[in-house]
Every structure is written in structure tokens, then in C-alpha cells.
Amino acid sequence: MHYEPLLRVLEPHVRSLRGAVLDVGCGMQPYRRWMRDEVVYTGLDREGPLSRPDVVGTVDALPFDDGSFDGLLSTQVFEHVGEPVAALRECARVLRPGGRIVITVPGVWPAHEVPYDYWRFTRYGVERVLADAGFVDSEVAAAGGFWASVGQMVNLEIQRGRFARDLVPLVNVCASWLDRRGASEEMALAWVATATRSEARA
């Protein structure tokens, strides 16, 4: 369930990126297919069985000159970063003034990639870290509200055991139906945020 609301909110933002675009924590580069033909795409990540980076590196020490990119994408990375504001400042450094960042972060999710899982975010926390890193004009949207969050947690618990796994599709249908009818967004599966690098970096 968690991919559907995230991808629905994220896709138009990814498609709007232009010029030279850096995908930080690119994994297997699933979002490259959404980008326009004229985009010059660079995927960065650690080496590993679940990543196919063009450049090996980490978000807190990006191996690029200042102002190298027009856009930057990073999905589900900042919960694993010890100092998210410092990492976002590094993202701002490699963006040109006026460049756009698109990030996603988890709101409700169990611990994963333990012990390197440090944070969960609220809408206001996302706005704060972006502002502290020198970004302006931020917009934050929920990807999956209260019922999507509850449904996903139920599904994860079901899948941990050996019973009732055939209930997962039913949970998905019910939670999606409820979520579409006006669920609270203060508890969200994930947050999708966009912002602009200010002329003067923080």
C-alpha cells in the first residue's frame, strides 16, 4: 500500500525537474523513467546489491562542485542521516541558486536498516529542516493519510506472521477507500516536499 500514495504525490514533482538533476540515494534508479529526455541525470548512492549508482557517495559529502545541478531528488534518505540539516545544506551547496529540491521522508514507519534509522518527520519538521538548510518556498504534502498509515501498519504486522496473509488485499481496499474520503493528514505514511535554493545559502 505505501508505494501507491507516495508515487502518486511524487511523480508530478519528479517530472517537473529540468536541466542537470542529481538523485541522492538513487538505489536502482526507479525515478529516472519519469524524467524528460533532456534531463541530464546522475544517480548517487553507496555501493550495494540494491543500488546502481552512476557516482558512489553519500549525502553528507557530495563529490560535486558548488552549483553543479539545477535539481535534486532524494527519496526516503534523511531518516538515515545523523544530521539532516547539515546534509540538506550539502544538497543546497551543489544546487545552483534557484535550483529545486524534491525530497520524501517517512512519517509513520517501523524501524528499518537498523541501527541506521534515526528520525520520523512531521509536516512542520520537514519545513523546519529545509528552512534551516537555506531553502525557501517549501511545499509539503502528505502521501497517505491516517487510514493509509493504519492499514499499512496492520499489513506489516500480518506479514510478519504465517497467518491471515490473504487479508492484506482486503486491508488495502478498505484503508484506501477510507483515506480517499478525507483522512487526517497529520498522521501520514510519508511526506513529499519541494523547495528552492535561496540566493544566499544558509
Protein backbone atom coordinates (compact mmCIF):
# COMPACT_ATOMS: atom_id res chain seq x y z
CA MET A 1 0.00 0.00 0.00
CA HIS A 2 2.71 2.51 0.95
CA TYR A 3 4.11 2.88 -2.57
CA GLU A 4 0.84 3.88 -4.23
CA PRO A 5 0.17 7.15 -2.33
CA LEU A 6 3.86 8.05 -2.33
CA LEU A 7 4.28 7.58 -6.07
CA ARG A 8 1.04 9.43 -6.83
CA VAL A 9 2.20 12.55 -4.98
CA LEU A 10 5.86 12.30 -6.03
CA GLU A 11 5.51 11.71 -9.78
CA PRO A 12 4.47 15.22 -10.95
CA HIS A 13 7.31 16.79 -8.96
CA VAL A 14 9.90 14.47 -10.49
CA ARG A 15 8.53 15.08 -13.98
CA SER A 16 8.87 18.84 -13.45
CA LEU A 17 12.63 18.75 -12.81
CA ARG A 18 14.80 20.29 -15.53
CA GLY A 19 18.44 20.52 -16.58
CA ALA A 20 21.10 18.63 -14.62
CA VAL A 21 19.43 16.54 -11.89
CA LEU A 22 21.11 14.66 -9.04
CA ASP A 23 19.27 11.71 -7.48
CA VAL A 24 20.73 11.26 -3.98
CA GLY A 25 20.22 7.74 -2.65
CA CYS A 26 19.16 6.60 -6.11
CA GLY A 27 19.01 2.87 -5.38
CA MET A 28 18.14 1.13 -8.65
CA GLN A 29 17.18 4.49 -10.23
CA PRO A 30 13.40 3.84 -10.35
CA TYR A 31 12.51 7.51 -10.91
CA ARG A 32 14.79 8.06 -13.88
CA ARG A 33 12.00 6.86 -16.19
CA TRP A 34 9.83 9.81 -15.15
CA MET A 35 12.34 12.44 -16.21
CA ARG A 36 12.24 14.28 -19.51
CA ASP A 37 14.63 13.21 -22.26
CA GLU A 38 16.59 16.46 -21.99
CA VAL A 39 17.35 15.97 -18.28
CA VAL A 40 20.98 15.13 -17.55
CA TYR A 41 20.54 12.57 -14.79
CA THR A 42 23.15 11.50 -12.22
CA GLY A 43 22.37 8.85 -9.62
CA LEU A 44 24.41 8.81 -6.40
CA ASP A 45 24.39 6.13 -3.73
CA ARG A 46 26.54 3.76 -1.75
CA GLU A 47 27.61 0.58 -3.49
CA GLY A 48 25.45 -2.43 -2.73
CA PRO A 49 23.19 -5.14 -4.13
CA LEU A 50 20.18 -2.79 -4.16
CA SER A 51 21.87 0.20 -5.75
CA ARG A 52 23.10 1.08 -9.23
CA PRO A 53 24.77 4.48 -8.80
CA ASP A 54 26.47 6.47 -11.51
CA VAL A 55 28.59 8.02 -8.76
CA VAL A 56 29.41 6.43 -5.40
CA GLY A 57 28.99 8.77 -2.44
CA THR A 58 26.85 9.89 0.48
CA VAL A 59 24.51 12.83 1.04
CA ASP A 60 26.67 14.38 3.76
CA ALA A 61 29.74 14.67 1.49
CA LEU A 62 28.59 15.06 -2.11
CA PRO A 63 31.53 14.74 -4.54
CA PHE A 64 30.50 17.65 -6.76
CA ASP A 65 31.42 21.30 -7.17
CA ASP A 66 29.22 24.08 -5.87
CA GLY A 67 26.26 24.83 -8.11
CA SER A 68 26.60 21.72 -10.27
CA PHE A 69 22.88 20.91 -10.56
CA ASP A 70 19.56 22.51 -11.43
CA GLY A 71 17.51 19.96 -9.49
CA LEU A 72 17.98 17.38 -6.75
CA LEU A 73 15.82 14.39 -5.85
CA SER A 74 16.17 12.33 -2.68
CA THR A 75 13.61 9.76 -1.56
CA GLN A 76 13.49 8.12 1.88
CA VAL A 77 17.07 9.04 2.74
CA PHE A 78 17.03 11.66 5.50
CA GLU A 79 15.70 9.34 8.21
CA HIS A 80 19.06 7.57 7.92
CA VAL A 81 21.19 10.72 8.21
CA GLY A 82 22.59 11.65 11.62
CA GLU A 83 22.49 15.41 10.88
CA PRO A 84 19.69 16.06 8.38
CA VAL A 85 20.10 19.86 8.33
CA ALA A 86 23.82 19.54 7.58
CA ALA A 87 23.04 17.04 4.81
CA LEU A 88 20.42 19.36 3.33
CA ARG A 89 22.96 22.20 3.39
CA GLU A 90 25.23 19.96 1.37
CA CYS A 91 22.38 19.45 -1.09
CA ALA A 92 21.93 23.23 -1.26
CA ARG A 93 25.65 23.64 -1.93
CA VAL A 94 25.58 21.56 -5.12
CA LEU A 95 22.41 23.27 -6.39
CA ARG A 96 22.52 26.46 -8.41
CA PRO A 97 20.70 29.48 -6.93
CA GLY A 98 17.03 28.96 -7.71
CA GLY A 99 17.54 25.21 -8.11
CA ARG A 100 14.78 22.90 -6.89
CA ILE A 101 14.93 20.07 -4.41
CA VAL A 102 12.35 17.28 -4.15
CA ILE A 103 12.55 15.00 -1.12
CA THR A 104 10.44 12.37 0.57
CA VAL A 105 10.70 11.33 4.21
CA PRO A 106 8.72 8.86 6.31
CA GLY A 107 6.04 9.97 8.71
CA VAL A 108 4.82 6.64 10.11
CA TRP A 109 7.04 3.61 9.56
CA PRO A 110 8.71 0.91 11.66
CA ALA A 111 12.45 1.00 12.23
CA HIS A 112 14.40 -0.28 9.22
CA GLU A 113 18.04 -0.56 8.17
CA VAL A 114 18.69 -0.78 11.91
CA PRO A 115 20.66 0.71 13.58
CA TYR A 116 20.92 3.45 10.93
CA ASP A 117 17.36 4.73 11.30
CA TYR A 118 17.19 7.93 13.32
CA TRP A 119 14.18 10.10 12.52
CA ARG A 120 10.48 10.35 11.70
CA PHE A 121 9.10 13.64 10.44
CA THR A 122 6.01 15.81 10.78
CA ARG A 123 4.97 18.35 8.15
CA TYR A 124 6.41 21.07 10.37
CA GLY A 125 9.67 19.23 10.91
CA VAL A 126 10.19 18.97 7.15
CA GLU A 127 9.51 22.68 6.73
CA ARG A 128 11.94 23.48 9.55
CA VAL A 129 14.90 21.43 8.32
CA LEU A 130 14.51 22.80 4.78
CA ALA A 131 14.41 26.38 6.04
CA ASP A 132 17.40 25.83 8.35
CA ALA A 133 19.35 24.46 5.38
CA GLY A 134 18.73 27.58 3.29
CA PHE A 135 15.74 26.55 1.18
CA VAL A 136 12.75 28.80 0.57
CA ASP A 137 9.21 28.47 -0.78
CA SER A 138 8.82 24.97 0.58
CA GLU A 139 5.63 22.99 -0.05
CA VAL A 140 4.93 19.80 1.88
CA ALA A 141 2.23 17.25 1.00
CA ALA A 142 1.12 14.09 2.76
CA ALA A 143 1.48 10.80 0.90
CA GLY A 144 -1.14 8.62 2.57
CA GLY A 145 -3.18 9.93 5.49
CA PHE A 146 -4.43 8.38 8.73
CA TRP A 147 -6.19 5.33 7.28
CA ALA A 148 -3.38 4.54 4.84
CA SER A 149 -0.97 4.66 7.78
CA VAL A 150 -3.13 2.39 9.93
CA GLY A 151 -3.70 -0.02 7.04
CA GLN A 152 0.00 -0.24 6.25
CA MET A 153 0.91 -0.96 9.88
CA VAL A 154 -1.75 -3.70 10.01
CA ASN A 155 -0.38 -5.22 6.79
CA LEU A 156 3.19 -5.20 8.07
CA GLU A 157 2.10 -6.97 11.25
CA ILE A 158 0.11 -9.54 9.27
CA GLN A 159 3.08 -10.20 7.00
CA ARG A 160 5.36 -10.85 9.96
CA GLY A 161 3.36 -13.94 10.86
CA ARG A 162 2.24 -17.01 8.96
CA PHE A 163 -1.45 -16.38 9.28
CA ALA A 164 -4.11 -14.32 7.56
CA ARG A 165 -1.85 -13.00 4.78
CA ASP A 166 -4.80 -13.21 2.44
CA LEU A 167 -6.27 -10.32 4.44
CA VAL A 168 -3.69 -7.88 3.03
CA PRO A 169 -5.67 -7.07 -0.17
CA LEU A 170 -8.81 -6.50 1.89
CA VAL A 171 -6.96 -4.17 4.27
CA ASN A 172 -5.58 -2.27 1.26
CA VAL A 173 -9.02 -1.78 -0.28
CA CYS A 174 -10.64 -0.66 2.99
CA ALA A 175 -7.81 1.67 4.01
CA SER A 176 -7.57 3.25 0.56
CA TRP A 177 -11.34 3.77 0.42
CA LEU A 178 -11.36 5.44 3.84
CA ASP A 179 -8.28 7.54 3.07
CA ARG A 180 -9.81 8.92 -0.13
CA ARG A 181 -12.81 10.12 1.86
CA GLY A 182 -10.94 12.71 3.84
CA ALA A 183 -8.50 11.14 6.29
CA SER A 184 -6.48 13.42 8.56
CA GLU A 185 -3.07 14.25 7.10
CA GLU A 186 -1.43 14.97 10.45
CA MET A 187 -0.52 11.28 10.58
CA ALA A 188 0.94 10.43 7.18
CA LEU A 189 2.82 7.48 5.79
CA ALA A 190 5.31 9.85 4.16
CA TRP A 191 5.82 13.48 3.26
CA VAL A 192 6.75 14.81 -0.16
CA ALA A 193 8.41 18.23 -0.12
CA THR A 194 9.69 20.65 -2.72
CA ALA A 195 11.70 23.82 -2.11
CA THR A 196 14.00 26.27 -3.86
CA ARG A 197 17.62 27.01 -3.03
CA SER A 198 17.82 30.60 -1.93
CA GLU A 199 20.25 33.05 -3.48
CA ALA A 200 22.17 33.17 -0.20
CA ARG A 201 22.91 29.74 1.25
CA ALA A 202 22.36 29.13 4.97
